[in-house]
Amino acid sequence: MWDAAAIAKGVALISTSLSNKPLGPYQIQAAIAAVHDEAAQADDTDWAEIVGLYDLLMVLSPGPTVALNRIVPLAMSSGPEIGMRALKSVEKQYGLSELHRVDAVRAHLLEMVGDVQAAQEHYRNAAQRTSSVPEQRYLSAKGRTLAASLASKSPLPGKG
């Protein structure tokens, strides 16, 4: 459903910009988006390239948002355990424990390792802590989906 011609045009534009212009954070952000856009599905994404781009972005524009955004691609390329360690480090370094996005990232990582119950709880916490209605809907839906998967795997009362 994505506009392949628009994606190709955007990728060409950022490729030209990266090779002909002084490097800046917006170019790196556009390059990250281009890598995502080029993948037909999440499994086709070059997660290691995205991590490398975030590493470069941390040099150009360091901060908690960039550090937090880097964690899921890191987990996708190197494993959720490494992502979880990075999350703990970023949370401690920047004092982000009250940020709803920390709960959302933690939920995703827990889901990746198969701890569905804990992931559901963190999705719910993240949904409750954000003021963005679209984010609330998305995070609540993720939590409900996990709750439904837990319910379908639970034995019926008296069955075992």
C-alpha atoms as a PDB file:
ATOM      1  CA  MET A   1       0.000   0.000   0.000  1.00  0.00           C
ATOM      2  CA  TRP A   2       3.040   2.283   0.156  1.00  0.00           C
ATOM      3  CA  ASP A   3       3.792   4.530  -2.811  1.00  0.00           C
ATOM      4  CA  ALA A   4       6.850   2.812  -4.304  1.00  0.00           C
ATOM      5  CA  ALA A   5       7.568   5.714  -6.674  1.00  0.00           C
ATOM      6  CA  ALA A   6       7.529   8.236  -3.814  1.00  0.00           C
ATOM      7  CA  ILE A   7       9.790   5.994  -1.737  1.00  0.00           C
ATOM      8  CA  ALA A   8      12.245   5.625  -4.635  1.00  0.00           C
ATOM      9  CA  LYS A   9      12.262   9.398  -5.129  1.00  0.00           C
ATOM     10  CA  GLY A  10      12.859   9.989  -1.402  1.00  0.00           C
ATOM     11  CA  VAL A  11      15.670   7.418  -1.283  1.00  0.00           C
ATOM     12  CA  ALA A  12      17.304   9.051  -4.314  1.00  0.00           C
ATOM     13  CA  LEU A  13      17.017  12.489  -2.716  1.00  0.00           C
ATOM     14  CA  ILE A  14      18.559  11.422   0.585  1.00  0.00           C
ATOM     15  CA  SER A  15      21.287   9.441  -1.196  1.00  0.00           C
ATOM     16  CA  THR A  16      22.242  12.542  -3.197  1.00  0.00           C
ATOM     17  CA  SER A  17      22.066  14.724  -0.104  1.00  0.00           C
ATOM     18  CA  LEU A  18      24.268  12.377   1.923  1.00  0.00           C
ATOM     19  CA  SER A  19      26.978  12.430  -0.719  1.00  0.00           C
ATOM     20  CA  ASN A  20      26.835  16.114  -1.706  1.00  0.00           C
ATOM     21  CA  LYS A  21      25.946  18.121   1.392  1.00  0.00           C
ATOM     22  CA  PRO A  22      27.459  18.632   4.843  1.00  0.00           C
ATOM     23  CA  LEU A  23      26.128  15.914   7.107  1.00  0.00           C
ATOM     24  CA  GLY A  24      23.456  16.947   9.591  1.00  0.00           C
ATOM     25  CA  PRO A  25      20.952  15.306  11.923  1.00  0.00           C
ATOM     26  CA  TYR A  26      17.990  15.763   9.566  1.00  0.00           C
ATOM     27  CA  GLN A  27      19.810  13.904   6.812  1.00  0.00           C
ATOM     28  CA  ILE A  28      20.532  11.032   9.182  1.00  0.00           C
ATOM     29  CA  GLN A  29      16.887  10.959  10.289  1.00  0.00           C
ATOM     30  CA  ALA A  30      15.818  10.885   6.643  1.00  0.00           C
ATOM     31  CA  ALA A  31      18.291   8.075   5.953  1.00  0.00           C
ATOM     32  CA  ILE A  32      16.829   6.071   8.858  1.00  0.00           C
ATOM     33  CA  ALA A  33      13.340   6.580   7.429  1.00  0.00           C
ATOM     34  CA  ALA A  34      14.591   5.552   3.972  1.00  0.00           C
ATOM     35  CA  VAL A  35      16.036   2.284   5.293  1.00  0.00           C
ATOM     36  CA  HIS A  36      12.673   1.544   6.931  1.00  0.00           C
ATOM     37  CA  ASP A  37      10.796   2.501   3.764  1.00  0.00           C
ATOM     38  CA  GLU A  38      12.893   0.262   1.520  1.00  0.00           C
ATOM     39  CA  ALA A  39      11.938  -2.857   3.497  1.00  0.00           C
ATOM     40  CA  ALA A  40       8.786  -4.618   2.339  1.00  0.00           C
ATOM     41  CA  GLN A  41       8.230  -5.826   5.914  1.00  0.00           C
ATOM     42  CA  ALA A  42       9.949  -5.462   9.281  1.00  0.00           C
ATOM     43  CA  ASP A  43      11.914  -8.691   8.850  1.00  0.00           C
ATOM     44  CA  ASP A  44      13.492  -7.282   5.665  1.00  0.00           C
ATOM     45  CA  THR A  45      14.771  -4.156   7.404  1.00  0.00           C
ATOM     46  CA  ASP A  46      18.528  -3.687   7.595  1.00  0.00           C
ATOM     47  CA  TRP A  47      18.499  -3.182  11.355  1.00  0.00           C
ATOM     48  CA  ALA A  48      22.291  -3.085  11.637  1.00  0.00           C
ATOM     49  CA  GLU A  49      22.393  -0.180   9.167  1.00  0.00           C
ATOM     50  CA  ILE A  50      19.776   1.644  11.218  1.00  0.00           C
ATOM     51  CA  VAL A  51      21.832   1.125  14.389  1.00  0.00           C
ATOM     52  CA  GLY A  52      24.857   2.556  12.580  1.00  0.00           C
ATOM     53  CA  LEU A  53      22.829   5.575  11.497  1.00  0.00           C
ATOM     54  CA  TYR A  54      21.627   6.102  15.075  1.00  0.00           C
ATOM     55  CA  ASP A  55      25.239   5.864  16.245  1.00  0.00           C
ATOM     56  CA  LEU A  56      26.090   8.653  13.820  1.00  0.00           C
ATOM     57  CA  LEU A  57      23.048  10.640  14.927  1.00  0.00           C
ATOM     58  CA  MET A  58      24.223  10.315  18.557  1.00  0.00           C
ATOM     59  CA  VAL A  59      27.477  12.022  17.501  1.00  0.00           C
ATOM     60  CA  LEU A  60      25.669  14.819  15.651  1.00  0.00           C
ATOM     61  CA  SER A  61      22.726  15.279  17.997  1.00  0.00           C
ATOM     62  CA  PRO A  62      23.177  13.358  21.251  1.00  0.00           C
ATOM     63  CA  GLY A  63      20.351  13.055  23.708  1.00  0.00           C
ATOM     64  CA  PRO A  64      17.828  10.811  25.398  1.00  0.00           C
ATOM     65  CA  THR A  65      15.383  10.596  22.485  1.00  0.00           C
ATOM     66  CA  VAL A  66      18.016   9.445  20.017  1.00  0.00           C
ATOM     67  CA  ALA A  67      19.455   7.010  22.570  1.00  0.00           C
ATOM     68  CA  LEU A  68      15.999   5.578  23.279  1.00  0.00           C
ATOM     69  CA  ASN A  69      15.086   5.368  19.583  1.00  0.00           C
ATOM     70  CA  ARG A  70      18.270   3.357  18.928  1.00  0.00           C
ATOM     71  CA  ILE A  71      17.298   0.560  21.310  1.00  0.00           C
ATOM     72  CA  VAL A  72      14.681  -1.306  19.255  1.00  0.00           C
ATOM     73  CA  PRO A  73      16.858  -1.453  16.118  1.00  0.00           C
ATOM     74  CA  LEU A  74      19.715  -2.630  18.335  1.00  0.00           C
ATOM     75  CA  ALA A  75      17.482  -5.376  19.744  1.00  0.00           C
ATOM     76  CA  MET A  76      16.316  -6.321  16.257  1.00  0.00           C
ATOM     77  CA  SER A  77      19.900  -6.672  15.016  1.00  0.00           C
ATOM     78  CA  SER A  78      21.666  -8.008  18.116  1.00  0.00           C
ATOM     79  CA  GLY A  79      18.947  -9.573  20.248  1.00  0.00           C
ATOM     80  CA  PRO A  80      16.442  -8.414  22.851  1.00  0.00           C
ATOM     81  CA  GLU A  81      18.782  -9.099  25.774  1.00  0.00           C
ATOM     82  CA  ILE A  82      21.265  -6.573  24.397  1.00  0.00           C
ATOM     83  CA  GLY A  83      18.379  -4.174  23.828  1.00  0.00           C
ATOM     84  CA  MET A  84      17.265  -4.622  27.440  1.00  0.00           C
ATOM     85  CA  ARG A  85      20.770  -3.861  28.737  1.00  0.00           C
ATOM     86  CA  ALA A  86      20.910  -0.765  26.531  1.00  0.00           C
ATOM     87  CA  LEU A  87      17.488   0.332  27.809  1.00  0.00           C
ATOM     88  CA  LYS A  88      18.638   0.057  31.428  1.00  0.00           C
ATOM     89  CA  SER A  89      21.761   2.040  30.611  1.00  0.00           C
ATOM     90  CA  VAL A  90      19.886   4.796  28.756  1.00  0.00           C
ATOM     91  CA  GLU A  91      17.215   4.949  31.458  1.00  0.00           C
ATOM     92  CA  LYS A  92      19.887   5.385  34.134  1.00  0.00           C
ATOM     93  CA  GLN A  93      22.052   7.799  32.121  1.00  0.00           C
ATOM     94  CA  TYR A  94      19.193  10.145  31.270  1.00  0.00           C
ATOM     95  CA  GLY A  95      16.819   9.543  34.204  1.00  0.00           C
ATOM     96  CA  LEU A  96      13.955   8.458  31.974  1.00  0.00           C
ATOM     97  CA  SER A  97      12.068   6.132  34.324  1.00  0.00           C
ATOM     98  CA  GLU A  98       8.943   8.316  34.240  1.00  0.00           C
ATOM     99  CA  LEU A  99       8.796   8.520  30.440  1.00  0.00           C
ATOM    100  CA  HIS A 100       6.012   6.461  28.864  1.00  0.00           C
ATOM    101  CA  ARG A 101       8.248   5.598  25.906  1.00  0.00           C
ATOM    102  CA  VAL A 102      10.559   3.663  28.230  1.00  0.00           C
ATOM    103  CA  ASP A 103       7.597   1.442  29.147  1.00  0.00           C
ATOM    104  CA  ALA A 104       6.708   1.062  25.459  1.00  0.00           C
ATOM    105  CA  VAL A 105      10.256   0.049  24.500  1.00  0.00           C
ATOM    106  CA  ARG A 106      10.497  -2.304  27.478  1.00  0.00           C
ATOM    107  CA  ALA A 107       7.159  -3.873  26.480  1.00  0.00           C
ATOM    108  CA  HIS A 108       8.427  -4.476  22.957  1.00  0.00           C
ATOM    109  CA  LEU A 109      11.639  -6.061  24.237  1.00  0.00           C
ATOM    110  CA  LEU A 110       9.734  -8.254  26.697  1.00  0.00           C
ATOM    111  CA  GLU A 111       7.420  -9.327  23.895  1.00  0.00           C
ATOM    112  CA  MET A 112      10.493 -10.246  21.820  1.00  0.00           C
ATOM    113  CA  VAL A 113      11.803 -12.533  24.586  1.00  0.00           C
ATOM    114  CA  GLY A 114       8.364 -14.095  25.061  1.00  0.00           C
ATOM    115  CA  ASP A 115       7.435 -12.577  28.427  1.00  0.00           C
ATOM    116  CA  VAL A 116       3.945 -11.744  27.210  1.00  0.00           C
ATOM    117  CA  GLN A 117       2.452 -11.031  30.622  1.00  0.00           C
ATOM    118  CA  ALA A 118       5.125  -8.468  31.561  1.00  0.00           C
ATOM    119  CA  ALA A 119       4.972  -6.957  28.066  1.00  0.00           C
ATOM    120  CA  GLN A 120       1.207  -6.529  28.373  1.00  0.00           C
ATOM    121  CA  GLU A 121       1.649  -4.736  31.706  1.00  0.00           C
ATOM    122  CA  HIS A 122       4.232  -2.334  30.259  1.00  0.00           C
ATOM    123  CA  TYR A 123       2.091  -1.595  27.184  1.00  0.00           C
ATOM    124  CA  ARG A 124      -0.787  -0.785  29.539  1.00  0.00           C
ATOM    125  CA  ASN A 125       1.432   1.445  31.701  1.00  0.00           C
ATOM    126  CA  ALA A 126       2.761   3.251  28.627  1.00  0.00           C
ATOM    127  CA  ALA A 127      -0.777   3.817  27.331  1.00  0.00           C
ATOM    128  CA  GLN A 128      -1.858   5.266  30.656  1.00  0.00           C
ATOM    129  CA  ARG A 129       1.147   7.594  30.883  1.00  0.00           C
ATOM    130  CA  THR A 130       1.043   9.167  27.425  1.00  0.00           C
ATOM    131  CA  SER A 131      -1.091  12.192  26.648  1.00  0.00           C
ATOM    132  CA  SER A 132      -1.201  11.347  22.936  1.00  0.00           C
ATOM    133  CA  VAL A 133      -4.542   9.773  22.045  1.00  0.00           C
ATOM    134  CA  PRO A 134      -3.184   7.912  18.964  1.00  0.00           C
ATOM    135  CA  GLU A 135      -0.355   6.499  21.096  1.00  0.00           C
ATOM    136  CA  GLN A 136      -2.857   5.525  23.802  1.00  0.00           C
ATOM    137  CA  ARG A 137      -4.916   3.641  21.211  1.00  0.00           C
ATOM    138  CA  TYR A 138      -1.901   1.896  19.708  1.00  0.00           C
ATOM    139  CA  LEU A 139      -0.356   0.887  23.039  1.00  0.00           C
ATOM    140  CA  SER A 140      -3.711  -0.212  24.472  1.00  0.00           C
ATOM    141  CA  ALA A 141      -4.358  -2.314  21.367  1.00  0.00           C
ATOM    142  CA  LYS A 142      -0.930  -3.954  21.712  1.00  0.00           C
ATOM    143  CA  GLY A 143      -1.713  -4.759  25.345  1.00  0.00           C
ATOM    144  CA  ARG A 144      -5.149  -6.168  24.462  1.00  0.00           C
ATOM    145  CA  THR A 145      -3.656  -8.332  21.706  1.00  0.00           C
ATOM    146  CA  LEU A 146      -1.164  -9.787  24.176  1.00  0.00           C
ATOM    147  CA  ALA A 147      -3.899 -10.285  26.768  1.00  0.00           C
ATOM    148  CA  ALA A 148      -5.949 -12.183  24.198  1.00  0.00           C
ATOM    149  CA  SER A 149      -2.961 -14.364  23.318  1.00  0.00           C
ATOM    150  CA  LEU A 150      -2.426 -15.092  27.020  1.00  0.00           C
ATOM    151  CA  ALA A 151      -6.093 -15.982  27.454  1.00  0.00           C
ATOM    152  CA  SER A 152      -6.031 -18.335  24.478  1.00  0.00           C
ATOM    153  CA  LYS A 153      -2.998 -20.168  25.918  1.00  0.00           C
ATOM    154  CA  SER A 154      -4.327 -20.461  29.466  1.00  0.00           C
ATOM    155  CA  PRO A 155      -5.855 -23.795  30.410  1.00  0.00           C
ATOM    156  CA  LEU A 156      -9.538 -23.720  31.167  1.00  0.00           C
ATOM    157  CA  PRO A 157     -10.416 -23.790  34.887  1.00  0.00           C
ATOM    158  CA  GLY A 158     -10.381 -27.385  36.092  1.00  0.00           C
ATOM    159  CA  LYS A 159      -8.609 -28.578  32.923  1.00  0.00           C
ATOM    160  CA  GLY A 160      -5.164 -28.502  34.138  1.00  0.00           C
END
